[in-house]
N, C-alpha and C. Protein backbone atom coordinates (compact mmCIF):
# COMPACT_ATOMS: atom_id res chain seq x y z
N MET A 1 119.05 -33.30 147.33
CA MET A 1 117.77 -32.93 147.91
C MET A 1 116.71 -33.81 147.27
N SER A 2 115.83 -34.35 148.09
CA SER A 2 114.81 -35.26 147.57
C SER A 2 113.68 -34.50 146.90
N VAL A 3 112.99 -35.19 146.02
CA VAL A 3 111.86 -34.60 145.30
C VAL A 3 110.76 -34.21 146.29
N GLU A 4 110.58 -34.99 147.34
CA GLU A 4 109.54 -34.68 148.33
C GLU A 4 109.83 -33.37 149.06
N VAL A 5 111.08 -33.10 149.36
CA VAL A 5 111.44 -31.84 150.01
C VAL A 5 111.13 -30.67 149.08
N ILE A 6 111.49 -30.83 147.81
CA ILE A 6 111.21 -29.78 146.82
C ILE A 6 109.71 -29.58 146.67
N LYS A 7 108.97 -30.67 146.58
CA LYS A 7 107.51 -30.61 146.46
C LYS A 7 106.91 -29.90 147.67
N ASP A 8 107.35 -30.24 148.85
CA ASP A 8 106.85 -29.59 150.07
C ASP A 8 107.11 -28.08 150.04
N GLN A 9 108.29 -27.68 149.58
CA GLN A 9 108.62 -26.25 149.53
C GLN A 9 107.77 -25.52 148.49
N ILE A 10 107.54 -26.16 147.35
CA ILE A 10 106.69 -25.55 146.32
C ILE A 10 105.27 -25.42 146.83
N PHE A 11 104.76 -26.44 147.51
CA PHE A 11 103.40 -26.37 148.07
C PHE A 11 103.33 -25.28 149.14
N ARG A 12 104.36 -25.15 149.95
CA ARG A 12 104.37 -24.09 150.96
C ARG A 12 104.33 -22.73 150.29
N PHE A 13 105.12 -22.57 149.24
CA PHE A 13 105.17 -21.33 148.49
C PHE A 13 103.81 -21.00 147.89
N LEU A 14 103.18 -21.98 147.25
CA LEU A 14 101.90 -21.75 146.59
C LEU A 14 100.76 -21.53 147.58
N SER A 15 100.88 -22.05 148.78
CA SER A 15 99.81 -21.91 149.77
C SER A 15 99.94 -20.65 150.62
N SER A 16 101.01 -19.89 150.40
CA SER A 16 101.21 -18.66 151.16
C SER A 16 100.29 -17.55 150.64
N GLU A 17 99.74 -16.79 151.55
CA GLU A 17 98.90 -15.65 151.16
C GLU A 17 99.74 -14.40 150.91
N GLN A 18 101.02 -14.46 151.21
CA GLN A 18 101.93 -13.34 150.97
C GLN A 18 102.61 -13.51 149.62
N PRO A 19 102.67 -12.47 148.80
CA PRO A 19 103.45 -12.58 147.55
C PRO A 19 104.92 -12.83 147.88
N GLU A 20 105.49 -13.79 147.24
CA GLU A 20 106.88 -14.17 147.47
C GLU A 20 107.56 -14.48 146.14
N VAL A 21 108.84 -14.75 146.21
CA VAL A 21 109.62 -15.16 145.05
C VAL A 21 110.28 -16.49 145.38
N MET A 22 110.26 -17.39 144.42
CA MET A 22 110.92 -18.68 144.59
C MET A 22 111.83 -18.90 143.39
N ALA A 23 113.04 -19.33 143.65
CA ALA A 23 113.98 -19.69 142.59
C ALA A 23 114.25 -21.18 142.67
N ILE A 24 114.18 -21.82 141.54
CA ILE A 24 114.50 -23.24 141.46
C ILE A 24 115.69 -23.35 140.52
N LYS A 25 116.79 -23.89 141.03
CA LYS A 25 117.98 -23.96 140.20
C LYS A 25 118.53 -25.37 140.19
N GLY A 26 119.27 -25.66 139.15
CA GLY A 26 119.88 -26.97 139.00
C GLY A 26 120.42 -27.12 137.59
N GLU A 27 121.02 -28.25 137.34
CA GLU A 27 121.60 -28.54 136.03
C GLU A 27 120.52 -28.50 134.95
N TRP A 28 120.95 -28.20 133.72
CA TRP A 28 120.04 -28.18 132.59
C TRP A 28 119.52 -29.59 132.36
N GLY A 29 118.21 -29.69 132.14
CA GLY A 29 117.61 -30.97 131.76
C GLY A 29 117.24 -31.91 132.88
N ILE A 30 117.27 -31.43 134.13
CA ILE A 30 116.94 -32.36 135.24
C ILE A 30 115.46 -32.35 135.60
N GLY A 31 114.68 -31.47 134.95
CA GLY A 31 113.24 -31.50 135.17
C GLY A 31 112.69 -30.41 136.05
N LYS A 32 113.38 -29.30 136.14
CA LYS A 32 112.90 -28.19 136.99
C LYS A 32 111.55 -27.67 136.50
N THR A 33 111.46 -27.35 135.22
CA THR A 33 110.21 -26.81 134.67
C THR A 33 109.11 -27.87 134.72
N PHE A 34 109.44 -29.08 134.34
CA PHE A 34 108.45 -30.17 134.37
C PHE A 34 107.91 -30.35 135.78
N SER A 35 108.81 -30.42 136.77
CA SER A 35 108.37 -30.61 138.15
C SER A 35 107.52 -29.44 138.63
N TRP A 36 107.94 -28.21 138.32
CA TRP A 36 107.16 -27.04 138.72
C TRP A 36 105.73 -27.15 138.17
N LYS A 37 105.61 -27.45 136.90
CA LYS A 37 104.28 -27.53 136.27
C LYS A 37 103.44 -28.66 136.87
N GLU A 38 104.06 -29.79 137.13
CA GLU A 38 103.32 -30.91 137.72
C GLU A 38 102.86 -30.60 139.15
N PHE A 39 103.76 -30.01 139.94
CA PHE A 39 103.40 -29.68 141.32
C PHE A 39 102.35 -28.58 141.36
N LEU A 40 102.42 -27.64 140.42
CA LEU A 40 101.42 -26.59 140.33
C LEU A 40 100.05 -27.18 140.00
N LYS A 41 100.00 -28.09 139.02
CA LYS A 41 98.73 -28.75 138.68
C LYS A 41 98.16 -29.49 139.89
N GLU A 42 99.02 -30.19 140.60
CA GLU A 42 98.57 -30.95 141.77
C GLU A 42 98.05 -30.01 142.85
N ALA A 43 98.76 -28.91 143.08
CA ALA A 43 98.32 -27.94 144.10
C ALA A 43 96.99 -27.31 143.70
N CYS A 44 96.81 -27.01 142.43
CA CYS A 44 95.53 -26.45 141.95
C CYS A 44 94.40 -27.46 142.15
N ALA A 45 94.67 -28.71 141.82
CA ALA A 45 93.65 -29.76 141.95
C ALA A 45 93.23 -29.94 143.41
N LYS A 46 94.16 -29.70 144.32
CA LYS A 46 93.86 -29.83 145.75
C LYS A 46 93.43 -28.50 146.38
N ASP A 47 93.23 -27.49 145.52
CA ASP A 47 92.81 -26.15 145.95
C ASP A 47 93.77 -25.57 147.00
N LYS A 48 95.07 -25.71 146.74
CA LYS A 48 96.10 -25.25 147.67
C LYS A 48 96.77 -23.94 147.23
N VAL A 49 96.38 -23.40 146.08
CA VAL A 49 97.00 -22.18 145.58
C VAL A 49 96.21 -21.00 146.11
N LYS A 50 96.85 -20.18 146.95
CA LYS A 50 96.15 -19.09 147.64
C LYS A 50 95.99 -17.83 146.80
N LEU A 51 96.99 -17.47 146.03
CA LEU A 51 96.91 -16.23 145.26
C LEU A 51 96.26 -16.50 143.90
N GLY A 52 95.57 -15.50 143.39
CA GLY A 52 94.86 -15.65 142.13
C GLY A 52 95.76 -15.64 140.91
N ARG A 53 96.95 -15.08 141.05
CA ARG A 53 97.87 -14.98 139.92
C ARG A 53 99.30 -15.25 140.38
N TYR A 54 100.11 -15.70 139.47
CA TYR A 54 101.54 -15.84 139.71
C TYR A 54 102.24 -15.66 138.37
N SER A 55 103.52 -15.47 138.42
CA SER A 55 104.29 -15.32 137.20
C SER A 55 105.44 -16.31 137.23
N TYR A 56 105.66 -16.97 136.11
CA TYR A 56 106.75 -17.92 135.97
C TYR A 56 107.72 -17.36 134.94
N VAL A 57 108.99 -17.30 135.27
CA VAL A 57 110.01 -16.80 134.35
C VAL A 57 111.13 -17.83 134.26
N SER A 58 111.40 -18.28 133.06
CA SER A 58 112.54 -19.15 132.83
C SER A 58 113.73 -18.29 132.42
N LEU A 59 114.87 -18.58 132.98
CA LEU A 59 116.07 -17.82 132.63
C LEU A 59 116.85 -18.47 131.49
N PHE A 60 116.30 -19.53 130.91
CA PHE A 60 116.96 -20.19 129.79
C PHE A 60 117.12 -19.22 128.64
N GLY A 61 118.34 -19.00 128.20
CA GLY A 61 118.62 -18.11 127.09
C GLY A 61 118.68 -16.64 127.45
N VAL A 62 118.48 -16.30 128.72
CA VAL A 62 118.56 -14.89 129.16
C VAL A 62 120.01 -14.60 129.49
N ASN A 63 120.61 -13.67 128.75
CA ASN A 63 122.05 -13.43 128.88
C ASN A 63 122.41 -12.04 129.38
N SER A 64 121.42 -11.22 129.71
CA SER A 64 121.73 -9.88 130.18
C SER A 64 120.64 -9.41 131.14
N LEU A 65 120.96 -8.37 131.88
CA LEU A 65 119.98 -7.80 132.80
C LEU A 65 118.80 -7.23 132.04
N ASP A 66 119.04 -6.59 130.90
CA ASP A 66 117.95 -6.05 130.09
C ASP A 66 117.02 -7.17 129.60
N ALA A 67 117.61 -8.28 129.17
CA ALA A 67 116.81 -9.42 128.71
C ALA A 67 116.00 -10.00 129.87
N PHE A 68 116.59 -10.02 131.06
CA PHE A 68 115.90 -10.51 132.24
C PHE A 68 114.70 -9.62 132.57
N LYS A 69 114.92 -8.32 132.55
CA LYS A 69 113.82 -7.36 132.82
C LYS A 69 112.71 -7.52 131.80
N TYR A 70 113.07 -7.68 130.54
CA TYR A 70 112.07 -7.84 129.49
C TYR A 70 111.29 -9.14 129.70
N THR A 71 111.98 -10.20 130.09
CA THR A 71 111.35 -11.48 130.32
C THR A 71 110.33 -11.37 131.45
N ILE A 72 110.68 -10.66 132.50
CA ILE A 72 109.75 -10.49 133.62
C ILE A 72 108.55 -9.66 133.19
N PHE A 73 108.81 -8.61 132.38
CA PHE A 73 107.74 -7.74 131.91
C PHE A 73 106.76 -8.51 131.08
């Protein structure tokens, strides 16, 4: 999948007025978090982020459902 396709999907997600969930998955170290942060900065600079708040959760090191719930909290 090309970076442009991923960027377009992230921009679509951020520009939605409906609360949604997005999962970005891939091999460790390929730049998922870096790309998310860069695309978020770009979307903010272009005033494309519709909702006032969002939550980012990394699953790195999360090994149980309880840990996942705590991470979200």
